[in-house]
Amino acid sequence: KSITGISPVEARHLGAYEKLNRDTAIRMCEAFTASKPTQG
């Protein structure tokens, strides 16, 4: 079920896909858009 993706949503855990593929990108994007670019 974990390979085919048919396990119920409530049974899914926060694994490497969620952290590496999704959450790191979101966190990095949030930090980037919150930063004030230097002059120039």
PDB file of all heavy atoms in Angstrom:
ATOM      1  N   LYS A   1       0.821  -1.213   0.000  1.00  0.00           N
ATOM      2  CA  LYS A   1       0.000   0.000   0.000  1.00  0.00           C
ATOM      3  C   LYS A   1       0.853   1.261   0.000  1.00  0.00           C
ATOM      4  O   LYS A   1       0.519   2.253  -0.646  1.00  0.00           O
ATOM      5  CB  LYS A   1      -0.937   0.002   1.213  1.00  0.00           C
ATOM      6  CG  LYS A   1      -2.085  -0.987   1.115  1.00  0.00           C
ATOM      7  CD  LYS A   1      -2.997  -0.885   2.321  1.00  0.00           C
ATOM      8  CE  LYS A   1      -4.197  -1.818   2.191  1.00  0.00           C
ATOM      9  NZ  LYS A   1      -5.099  -1.707   3.359  1.00  0.00           N
ATOM     10  N   SER A   2       1.982   1.239   0.707  1.00  0.00           N
ATOM     11  CA  SER A   2       2.837   2.426   0.749  1.00  0.00           C
ATOM     12  C   SER A   2       3.491   2.674  -0.593  1.00  0.00           C
ATOM     13  O   SER A   2       3.769   3.815  -0.963  1.00  0.00           O
ATOM     14  CB  SER A   2       3.913   2.267   1.835  1.00  0.00           C
ATOM     15  OG  SER A   2       4.875   1.296   1.459  1.00  0.00           O
ATOM     16  N   ILE A   3       3.738   1.597  -1.359  1.00  0.00           N
ATOM     17  CA  ILE A   3       4.330   1.747  -2.689  1.00  0.00           C
ATOM     18  C   ILE A   3       3.303   2.281  -3.674  1.00  0.00           C
ATOM     19  O   ILE A   3       3.574   3.191  -4.457  1.00  0.00           O
ATOM     20  CB  ILE A   3       4.901   0.397  -3.181  1.00  0.00           C
ATOM     21  CG1 ILE A   3       6.096  -0.003  -2.324  1.00  0.00           C
ATOM     22  CG2 ILE A   3       5.320   0.487  -4.644  1.00  0.00           C
ATOM     23  CD1 ILE A   3       6.623  -1.395  -2.623  1.00  0.00           C
ATOM     24  N   THR A   4       2.080   1.727  -3.631  1.00  0.00           N
ATOM     25  CA  THR A   4       1.056   2.117  -4.595  1.00  0.00           C
ATOM     26  C   THR A   4       0.342   3.397  -4.211  1.00  0.00           C
ATOM     27  O   THR A   4      -0.300   4.038  -5.044  1.00  0.00           O
ATOM     28  CB  THR A   4       0.009   1.002  -4.736  1.00  0.00           C
ATOM     29  OG1 THR A   4      -0.568   0.734  -3.453  1.00  0.00           O
ATOM     30  CG2 THR A   4       0.650  -0.268  -5.269  1.00  0.00           C
ATOM     31  N   GLY A   5       0.451   3.793  -2.928  1.00  0.00           N
ATOM     32  CA  GLY A   5      -0.183   5.032  -2.489  1.00  0.00           C
ATOM     33  C   GLY A   5      -1.618   4.873  -2.078  1.00  0.00           C
ATOM     34  O   GLY A   5      -2.340   5.852  -1.950  1.00  0.00           O
ATOM     35  N   ILE A   6      -2.088   3.628  -1.834  1.00  0.00           N
ATOM     36  CA  ILE A   6      -3.497   3.431  -1.508  1.00  0.00           C
ATOM     37  C   ILE A   6      -3.747   3.361  -0.008  1.00  0.00           C
ATOM     38  O   ILE A   6      -4.860   3.088   0.414  1.00  0.00           O
ATOM     39  CB  ILE A   6      -4.056   2.153  -2.184  1.00  0.00           C
ATOM     40  CG1 ILE A   6      -3.292   0.908  -1.721  1.00  0.00           C
ATOM     41  CG2 ILE A   6      -4.004   2.273  -3.691  1.00  0.00           C
ATOM     42  CD1 ILE A   6      -3.877  -0.381  -2.285  1.00  0.00           C
ATOM     43  N   SER A   7      -2.706   3.611   0.790  1.00  0.00           N
ATOM     44  CA  SER A   7      -2.935   3.648   2.234  1.00  0.00           C
ATOM     45  C   SER A   7      -3.730   4.891   2.579  1.00  0.00           C
ATOM     46  O   SER A   7      -3.590   5.927   1.936  1.00  0.00           O
ATOM     47  CB  SER A   7      -1.600   3.647   2.981  1.00  0.00           C
ATOM     48  OG  SER A   7      -0.774   4.691   2.538  1.00  0.00           O
ATOM     49  N   PRO A   8      -4.598   4.843   3.590  1.00  0.00           N
ATOM     50  CA  PRO A   8      -5.423   6.006   3.934  1.00  0.00           C
ATOM     51  C   PRO A   8      -4.576   7.182   4.365  1.00  0.00           C
ATOM     52  O   PRO A   8      -3.481   7.022   4.889  1.00  0.00           O
ATOM     53  CB  PRO A   8      -6.299   5.477   5.087  1.00  0.00           C
ATOM     54  CG  PRO A   8      -5.566   4.302   5.633  1.00  0.00           C
ATOM     55  CD  PRO A   8      -4.857   3.691   4.468  1.00  0.00           C
ATOM     56  N   VAL A   9      -5.108   8.383   4.137  1.00  0.00           N
ATOM     57  CA  VAL A   9      -4.369   9.605   4.446  1.00  0.00           C
ATOM     58  C   VAL A   9      -3.955   9.655   5.903  1.00  0.00           C
ATOM     59  O   VAL A   9      -2.831  10.028   6.241  1.00  0.00           O
ATOM     60  CB  VAL A   9      -5.226  10.848   4.094  1.00  0.00           C
ATOM     61  CG1 VAL A   9      -4.525  12.115   4.556  1.00  0.00           C
ATOM     62  CG2 VAL A   9      -5.506  10.898   2.602  1.00  0.00           C
ATOM     63  N   GLU A  10      -4.862   9.248   6.804  1.00  0.00           N
ATOM     64  CA  GLU A  10      -4.566   9.342   8.234  1.00  0.00           C
ATOM     65  C   GLU A  10      -3.438   8.401   8.642  1.00  0.00           C
ATOM     66  O   GLU A  10      -2.839   8.554   9.707  1.00  0.00           O
ATOM     67  CB  GLU A  10      -5.817   9.055   9.058  1.00  0.00           C
ATOM     68  CG  GLU A  10      -6.419   7.670   8.857  1.00  0.00           C
ATOM     69  CD  GLU A  10      -7.443   7.655   7.728  1.00  0.00           C
ATOM     70  OE1 GLU A  10      -7.457   8.615   6.931  1.00  0.00           O
ATOM     71  OE2 GLU A  10      -8.226   6.690   7.652  1.00  0.00           O
ATOM     72  N   ALA A  11      -3.121   7.391   7.786  1.00  0.00           N
ATOM     73  CA  ALA A  11      -2.078   6.429   8.131  1.00  0.00           C
ATOM     74  C   ALA A  11      -0.701   6.872   7.659  1.00  0.00           C
ATOM     75  O   ALA A  11       0.294   6.268   7.990  1.00  0.00           O
ATOM     76  CB  ALA A  11      -2.416   5.065   7.530  1.00  0.00           C
ATOM     77  N   ARG A  12      -0.640   7.930   6.871  1.00  0.00           N
ATOM     78  CA  ARG A  12       0.639   8.366   6.332  1.00  0.00           C
ATOM     79  C   ARG A  12       1.428   9.138   7.380  1.00  0.00           C
ATOM     80  O   ARG A  12       0.870   9.900   8.166  1.00  0.00           O
ATOM     81  CB  ARG A  12       0.419   9.238   5.093  1.00  0.00           C
ATOM     82  CG  ARG A  12      -0.194   8.455   3.934  1.00  0.00           C
ATOM     83  CD  ARG A  12      -0.435   9.349   2.734  1.00  0.00           C
ATOM     84  NE  ARG A  12      -1.207   8.622   1.732  1.00  0.00           N
ATOM     85  CZ  ARG A  12      -1.824   9.207   0.719  1.00  0.00           C
ATOM     86  NH1 ARG A  12      -1.769  10.515   0.574  1.00  0.00           N
ATOM     87  NH2 ARG A  12      -2.500   8.489  -0.136  1.00  0.00           N
ATOM     88  N   HIS A  13       2.736   8.962   7.364  1.00  0.00           N
ATOM     89  CA  HIS A  13       3.598   9.617   8.327  1.00  0.00           C
ATOM     90  C   HIS A  13       4.387  10.732   7.651  1.00  0.00           C
ATOM     91  O   HIS A  13       4.411  10.836   6.430  1.00  0.00           O
ATOM     92  CB  HIS A  13       4.566   8.590   8.929  1.00  0.00           C
ATOM     93  CG  HIS A  13       5.628   8.159   7.971  1.00  0.00           C
ATOM     94  ND1 HIS A  13       5.334   7.605   6.736  1.00  0.00           N
ATOM     95  CD2 HIS A  13       6.977   8.223   8.053  1.00  0.00           C
ATOM     96  CE1 HIS A  13       6.449   7.331   6.099  1.00  0.00           C
ATOM     97  NE2 HIS A  13       7.470   7.693   6.864  1.00  0.00           N
ATOM     98  N   LEU A  14       4.998  11.544   8.445  1.00  0.00           N
ATOM     99  CA  LEU A  14       5.850  12.601   7.910  1.00  0.00           C
ATOM    100  C   LEU A  14       7.223  12.011   7.673  1.00  0.00           C
ATOM    101  O   LEU A  14       8.042  11.923   8.574  1.00  0.00           O
ATOM    102  CB  LEU A  14       5.931  13.773   8.908  1.00  0.00           C
ATOM    103  CG  LEU A  14       6.691  15.016   8.415  1.00  0.00           C
ATOM    104  CD1 LEU A  14       5.970  15.624   7.229  1.00  0.00           C
ATOM    105  CD2 LEU A  14       6.807  16.032   9.540  1.00  0.00           C
ATOM    106  N   GLY A  15       7.454  11.558   6.459  1.00  0.00           N
ATOM    107  CA  GLY A  15       8.698  10.879   6.141  1.00  0.00           C
ATOM    108  C   GLY A  15       9.625  11.732   5.313  1.00  0.00           C
ATOM    109  O   GLY A  15       9.513  12.958   5.240  1.00  0.00           O
ATOM    110  N   ALA A  16      10.558  11.051   4.634  1.00  0.00           N
ATOM    111  CA  ALA A  16      11.581  11.756   3.861  1.00  0.00           C
ATOM    112  C   ALA A  16      10.984  12.508   2.682  1.00  0.00           C
ATOM    113  O   ALA A  16      11.462  13.580   2.318  1.00  0.00           O
ATOM    114  CB  ALA A  16      12.634  10.757   3.393  1.00  0.00           C
ATOM    115  N   TYR A  17       9.938  11.954   2.056  1.00  0.00           N
ATOM    116  CA  TYR A  17       9.307  12.668   0.948  1.00  0.00           C
ATOM    117  C   TYR A  17       8.773  14.021   1.413  1.00  0.00           C
ATOM    118  O   TYR A  17       9.004  15.056   0.783  1.00  0.00           O
ATOM    119  CB  TYR A  17       8.147  11.851   0.366  1.00  0.00           C
ATOM    120  CG  TYR A  17       8.559  10.636  -0.426  1.00  0.00           C
ATOM    121  CD1 TYR A  17       7.898   9.427  -0.269  1.00  0.00           C
ATOM    122  CD2 TYR A  17       9.587  10.701  -1.362  1.00  0.00           C
ATOM    123  CE1 TYR A  17       8.242   8.306  -1.004  1.00  0.00           C
ATOM    124  CE2 TYR A  17       9.948   9.593  -2.101  1.00  0.00           C
ATOM    125  CZ  TYR A  17       9.286   8.393  -1.922  1.00  0.00           C
ATOM    126  OH  TYR A  17       9.641   7.288  -2.647  1.00  0.00           O
ATOM    127  N   GLU A  18       8.042  13.986   2.511  1.00  0.00           N
ATOM    128  CA  GLU A  18       7.436  15.223   3.008  1.00  0.00           C
ATOM    129  C   GLU A  18       8.498  16.235   3.435  1.00  0.00           C
ATOM    130  O   GLU A  18       8.381  17.431   3.137  1.00  0.00           O
ATOM    131  CB  GLU A  18       6.506  14.914   4.182  1.00  0.00           C
ATOM    132  CG  GLU A  18       5.190  14.251   3.790  1.00  0.00           C
ATOM    133  CD  GLU A  18       5.335  12.782   3.438  1.00  0.00           C
ATOM    134  OE1 GLU A  18       6.414  12.198   3.694  1.00  0.00           O
ATOM    135  OE2 GLU A  18       4.371  12.206   2.900  1.00  0.00           O
ATOM    136  N   LYS A  19       9.518  15.761   4.113  1.00  0.00           N
ATOM    137  CA  LYS A  19      10.536  16.683   4.615  1.00  0.00           C
ATOM    138  C   LYS A  19      11.443  17.199   3.506  1.00  0.00           C
ATOM    139  O   LYS A  19      11.607  18.409   3.340  1.00  0.00           O
ATOM    140  CB  LYS A  19      11.379  16.011   5.693  1.00  0.00           C
ATOM    141  CG  LYS A  19      12.450  16.937   6.276  1.00  0.00           C
ATOM    142  CD  LYS A  19      13.274  16.249   7.358  1.00  0.00           C
ATOM    143  CE  LYS A  19      14.349  17.195   7.895  1.00  0.00           C
ATOM    144  NZ  LYS A  19      15.195  16.536   8.925  1.00  0.00           N
ATOM    145  N   LEU A  20      12.043  16.292   2.749  1.00  0.00           N
ATOM    146  CA  LEU A  20      13.047  16.692   1.765  1.00  0.00           C
ATOM    147  C   LEU A  20      12.434  17.266   0.492  1.00  0.00           C
ATOM    148  O   LEU A  20      12.882  18.305  -0.006  1.00  0.00           O
ATOM    149  CB  LEU A  20      13.946  15.504   1.424  1.00  0.00           C
ATOM    150  CG  LEU A  20      14.826  14.989   2.559  1.00  0.00           C
ATOM    151  CD1 LEU A  20      15.606  13.761   2.110  1.00  0.00           C
ATOM    152  CD2 LEU A  20      15.787  16.068   3.044  1.00  0.00           C
ATOM    153  N   ASN A  21      11.433  16.609  -0.037  1.00  0.00           N
ATOM    154  CA  ASN A  21      10.862  17.057  -1.307  1.00  0.00           C
ATOM    155  C   ASN A  21       9.954  18.280  -1.163  1.00  0.00           C
ATOM    156  O   ASN A  21       9.872  19.094  -2.082  1.00  0.00           O
ATOM    157  CB  ASN A  21      10.047  15.930  -1.952  1.00  0.00           C
ATOM    158  CG  ASN A  21      10.908  14.763  -2.370  1.00  0.00           C
ATOM    159  OD1 ASN A  21      12.131  14.826  -2.298  1.00  0.00           O
ATOM    160  ND2 ASN A  21      10.285  13.686  -2.790  1.00  0.00           N
ATOM    161  N   ARG A  22       9.285  18.386  -0.027  1.00  0.00           N
ATOM    162  CA  ARG A  22       8.284  19.445   0.140  1.00  0.00           C
ATOM    163  C   ARG A  22       8.681  20.512   1.154  1.00  0.00           C
ATOM    164  O   ARG A  22       8.837  21.695   0.808  1.00  0.00           O
ATOM    165  CB  ARG A  22       6.955  18.813   0.552  1.00  0.00           C
ATOM    166  CG  ARG A  22       5.794  19.791   0.669  1.00  0.00           C
ATOM    167  CD  ARG A  22       4.597  19.102   1.314  1.00  0.00           C
ATOM    168  NE  ARG A  22       4.855  18.743   2.716  1.00  0.00           N
ATOM    169  CZ  ARG A  22       4.101  17.890   3.406  1.00  0.00           C
ATOM    170  NH1 ARG A  22       3.061  17.292   2.839  1.00  0.00           N
ATOM    171  NH2 ARG A  22       4.391  17.641   4.673  1.00  0.00           N
ATOM    172  N   ASP A  23       8.886  20.100   2.399  1.00  0.00           N
ATOM    173  CA  ASP A  23       9.021  21.079   3.484  1.00  0.00           C
ATOM    174  C   ASP A  23      10.290  21.916   3.401  1.00  0.00           C
ATOM    175  O   ASP A  23      10.274  23.104   3.736  1.00  0.00           O
ATOM    176  CB  ASP A  23       8.945  20.373   4.839  1.00  0.00           C
ATOM    177  CG  ASP A  23       7.593  19.711   5.066  1.00  0.00           C
ATOM    178  OD1 ASP A  23       6.657  20.004   4.288  1.00  0.00           O
ATOM    179  OD2 ASP A  23       7.472  18.900   5.999  1.00  0.00           O
ATOM    180  N   THR A  24      11.408  21.320   2.956  1.00  0.00           N
ATOM    181  CA  THR A  24      12.633  22.123   2.845  1.00  0.00           C
ATOM    182  C   THR A  24      12.470  23.215   1.791  1.00  0.00           C
ATOM    183  O   THR A  24      12.956  24.334   1.975  1.00  0.00           O
ATOM    184  CB  THR A  24      13.852  21.242   2.475  1.00  0.00           C
ATOM    185  OG1 THR A  24      13.600  20.581   1.216  1.00  0.00           O
ATOM    186  CG2 THR A  24      14.143  20.223   3.545  1.00  0.00           C
ATOM    187  N   ALA A  25      11.774  22.896   0.712  1.00  0.00           N
ATOM    188  CA  ALA A  25      11.560  23.896  -0.338  1.00  0.00           C
ATOM    189  C   ALA A  25      10.650  25.019   0.152  1.00  0.00           C
ATOM    190  O   ALA A  25      10.907  26.210  -0.100  1.00  0.00           O
ATOM    191  CB  ALA A  25      10.962  23.235  -1.574  1.00  0.00           C
ATOM    192  N   ILE A  26       9.596  24.644   0.859  1.00  0.00           N
ATOM    193  CA  ILE A  26       8.666  25.654   1.374  1.00  0.00           C
ATOM    194  C   ILE A  26       9.360  26.565   2.382  1.00  0.00           C
ATOM    195  O   ILE A  26       9.234  27.795   2.323  1.00  0.00           O
ATOM    196  CB  ILE A  26       7.442  24.974   2.007  1.00  0.00           C
ATOM    197  CG1 ILE A  26       6.630  24.248   0.934  1.00  0.00           C
ATOM    198  CG2 ILE A  26       6.570  25.983   2.743  1.00  0.00           C
ATOM    199  CD1 ILE A  26       5.523  23.359   1.486  1.00  0.00           C
ATOM    200  N   ARG A  27      10.114  25.962   3.287  1.00  0.00           N
ATOM    201  CA  ARG A  27      10.807  26.762   4.303  1.00  0.00           C
ATOM    202  C   ARG A  27      11.843  27.686   3.672  1.00  0.00           C
ATOM    203  O   ARG A  27      11.956  28.862   4.046  1.00  0.00           O
ATOM    204  CB  ARG A  27      11.479  25.831   5.312  1.00  0.00           C
ATOM    205  CG  ARG A  27      12.106  26.546   6.520  1.00  0.00           C
ATOM    206  CD  ARG A  27      11.051  27.234   7.380  1.00  0.00           C
ATOM    207  NE  ARG A  27      10.060  26.298   7.871  1.00  0.00           N
ATOM    208  CZ  ARG A  27      10.202  25.571   8.976  1.00  0.00           C
ATOM    209  NH1 ARG A  27      11.294  25.683   9.706  1.00  0.00           N
ATOM    210  NH2 ARG A  27       9.245  24.747   9.374  1.00  0.00           N
ATOM    211  N   MET A  28      12.565  27.183   2.700  1.00  0.00           N
ATOM    212  CA  MET A  28      13.559  28.000   2.020  1.00  0.00           C
ATOM    213  C   MET A  28      12.903  29.149   1.252  1.00  0.00           C
ATOM    214  O   MET A  28      13.386  30.282   1.254  1.00  0.00           O
ATOM    215  CB  MET A  28      14.376  27.134   1.069  1.00  0.00           C
ATOM    216  CG  MET A  28      15.488  27.850   0.320  1.00  0.00           C
ATOM    217  SD  MET A  28      16.864  28.427   1.352  1.00  0.00           S
ATOM    218  CE  MET A  28      17.597  26.858   1.849  1.00  0.00           C
ATOM    219  N   CYS A  29      11.775  28.864   0.600  1.00  0.00           N
ATOM    220  CA  CYS A  29      11.052  29.897  -0.147  1.00  0.00           C
ATOM    221  C   CYS A  29      10.519  30.973   0.793  1.00  0.00           C
ATOM    222  O   CYS A  29      10.595  32.171   0.493  1.00  0.00           O
ATOM    223  CB  CYS A  29       9.912  29.259  -0.932  1.00  0.00           C
ATOM    224  SG  CYS A  29       8.964  30.417  -1.940  1.00  0.00           S
ATOM    225  N   GLU A  30       9.989  30.558   1.928  1.00  0.00           N
ATOM    226  CA  GLU A  30       9.489  31.528   2.911  1.00  0.00           C
ATOM    227  C   GLU A  30      10.612  32.443   3.392  1.00  0.00           C
ATOM    228  O   GLU A  30      10.426  33.663   3.503  1.00  0.00           O
ATOM    229  CB  GLU A  30       8.869  30.782   4.098  1.00  0.00           C
ATOM    230  CG  GLU A  30       7.549  30.098   3.783  1.00  0.00           C
ATOM    231  CD  GLU A  30       7.057  29.222   4.928  1.00  0.00           C
ATOM    232  OE1 GLU A  30       7.885  28.805   5.778  1.00  0.00           O
ATOM    233  OE2 GLU A  30       5.829  28.942   4.976  1.00  0.00           O
ATOM    234  N   ALA A  31      11.770  31.859   3.676  1.00  0.00           N
ATOM    235  CA  ALA A  31      12.904  32.658   4.152  1.00  0.00           C
ATOM    236  C   ALA A  31      13.412  33.589   3.063  1.00  0.00           C
ATOM    237  O   ALA A  31      13.772  34.741   3.332  1.00  0.00           O
ATOM    238  CB  ALA A  31      14.022  31.728   4.621  1.00  0.00           C
ATOM    239  N   PHE A  32      13.432  33.113   1.822  1.00  0.00           N
ATOM    240  CA  PHE A  32      13.925  33.924   0.707  1.00  0.00           C
ATOM    241  C   PHE A  32      13.024  35.128   0.467  1.00  0.00           C
ATOM    242  O   PHE A  32      13.503  36.266   0.319  1.00  0.00           O
ATOM    243  CB  PHE A  32      14.006  33.058  -0.545  1.00  0.00           C
ATOM    244  CG  PHE A  32      14.592  33.735  -1.750  1.00  0.00           C
ATOM    245  CD1 PHE A  32      15.729  34.517  -1.661  1.00  0.00           C
ATOM    246  CD2 PHE A  32      14.010  33.564  -3.007  1.00  0.00           C
ATOM    247  CE1 PHE A  32      16.276  35.134  -2.778  1.00  0.00           C
ATOM    248  CE2 PHE A  32      14.548  34.170  -4.132  1.00  0.00           C
ATOM    249  CZ  PHE A  32      15.673  34.956  -4.017  1.00  0.00           C
ATOM    250  N   THR A  33      11.710  34.900   0.435  1.00  0.00           N
ATOM    251  CA  THR A  33      10.790  36.008   0.181  1.00  0.00           C
ATOM    252  C   THR A  33      10.712  36.975   1.360  1.00  0.00           C
ATOM    253  O   THR A  33      10.306  38.133   1.192  1.00  0.00           O
ATOM    254  CB  THR A  33       9.376  35.473  -0.133  1.00  0.00           C
ATOM    255  OG1 THR A  33       8.954  34.594   0.925  1.00  0.00           O
ATOM    256  CG2 THR A  33       9.367  34.722  -1.444  1.00  0.00           C
ATOM    257  N   ALA A  34      11.098  36.521   2.537  1.00  0.00           N
ATOM    258  CA  ALA A  34      11.103  37.395   3.715  1.00  0.00           C
ATOM    259  C   ALA A  34      12.376  38.227   3.805  1.00  0.00           C
ATOM    260  O   ALA A  34      12.434  39.196   4.571  1.00  0.00           O
ATOM    261  CB  ALA A  34      10.949  36.568   4.988  1.00  0.00           C
ATOM    262  N   SER A  35      13.391  37.874   3.033  1.00  0.00           N
ATOM    263  CA  SER A  35      14.661  38.592   3.089  1.00  0.00           C
ATOM    264  C   SER A  35      14.594  39.884   2.285  1.00  0.00           C
ATOM    265  O   SER A  35      13.876  39.974   1.290  1.00  0.00           O
ATOM    266  CB  SER A  35      15.795  37.714   2.551  1.00  0.00           C
ATOM    267  OG  SER A  35      15.639  37.477   1.156  1.00  0.00           O
ATOM    268  N   LYS A  36      15.330  40.876   2.732  1.00  0.00           N
ATOM    269  CA  LYS A  36      15.373  42.163   2.048  1.00  0.00           C
ATOM    270  C   LYS A  36      16.625  42.209   1.179  1.00  0.00           C
ATOM    271  O   LYS A  36      17.742  42.138   1.702  1.00  0.00           O
ATOM    272  CB  LYS A  36      15.392  43.306   3.060  1.00  0.00           C
ATOM    273  CG  LYS A  36      15.347  44.686   2.426  1.00  0.00           C
ATOM    274  CD  LYS A  36      15.322  45.773   3.492  1.00  0.00           C
ATOM    275  CE  LYS A  36      15.269  47.156   2.847  1.00  0.00           C
ATOM    276  NZ  LYS A  36      15.250  48.234   3.868  1.00  0.00           N
ATOM    277  N   PRO A  37      16.465  42.301  -0.150  1.00  0.00           N
ATOM    278  CA  PRO A  37      17.643  42.275  -1.015  1.00  0.00           C
ATOM    279  C   PRO A  37      18.560  43.470  -0.774  1.00  0.00           C
ATOM    280  O   PRO A  37      18.102  44.566  -0.445  1.00  0.00           O
ATOM    281  CB  PRO A  37      17.048  42.311  -2.428  1.00  0.00           C
ATOM    282  CG  PRO A  37      15.679  42.886  -2.266  1.00  0.00           C
ATOM    283  CD  PRO A  37      15.216  42.442  -0.909  1.00  0.00           C
ATOM    284  N   THR A  38      19.832  43.230  -0.927  1.00  0.00           N
ATOM    285  CA  THR A  38      20.808  44.300  -0.752  1.00  0.00           C
ATOM    286  C   THR A  38      20.672  45.325  -1.866  1.00  0.00           C
ATOM    287  O   THR A  38      20.088  45.058  -2.923  1.00  0.00           O
ATOM    288  CB  THR A  38      22.236  43.731  -0.754  1.00  0.00           C
ATOM    289  OG1 THR A  38      22.444  42.998  -1.979  1.00  0.00           O
ATOM    290  CG2 THR A  38      22.461  42.814   0.425  1.00  0.00           C
ATOM    291  N   GLN A  39      21.240  46.482  -1.645  1.00  0.00           N
ATOM    292  CA  GLN A  39      21.175  47.557  -2.635  1.00  0.00           C
ATOM    293  C   GLN A  39      21.841  47.091  -3.928  1.00  0.00           C
ATOM    294  O   GLN A  39      22.909  46.499  -3.918  1.00  0.00           O
ATOM    295  CB  GLN A  39      21.885  48.802  -2.099  1.00  0.00           C
ATOM    296  CG  GLN A  39      21.689  50.028  -2.963  1.00  0.00           C
ATOM    297  CD  GLN A  39      22.287  51.267  -2.304  1.00  0.00           C
ATOM    298  OE1 GLN A  39      22.939  51.169  -1.269  1.00  0.00           O
ATOM    299  NE2 GLN A  39      22.070  52.424  -2.902  1.00  0.00           N
ATOM    300  N   GLY A  40      21.199  47.364  -5.032  1.00  0.00           N
ATOM    301  CA  GLY A  40      21.735  46.948  -6.319  1.00  0.00           C
ATOM    302  C   GLY A  40      20.973  45.789  -6.932  1.00  0.00           C
ATOM    303  O   GLY A  40      21.044  45.563  -8.140  1.00  0.00           O
TER     304      GLY A  40
END
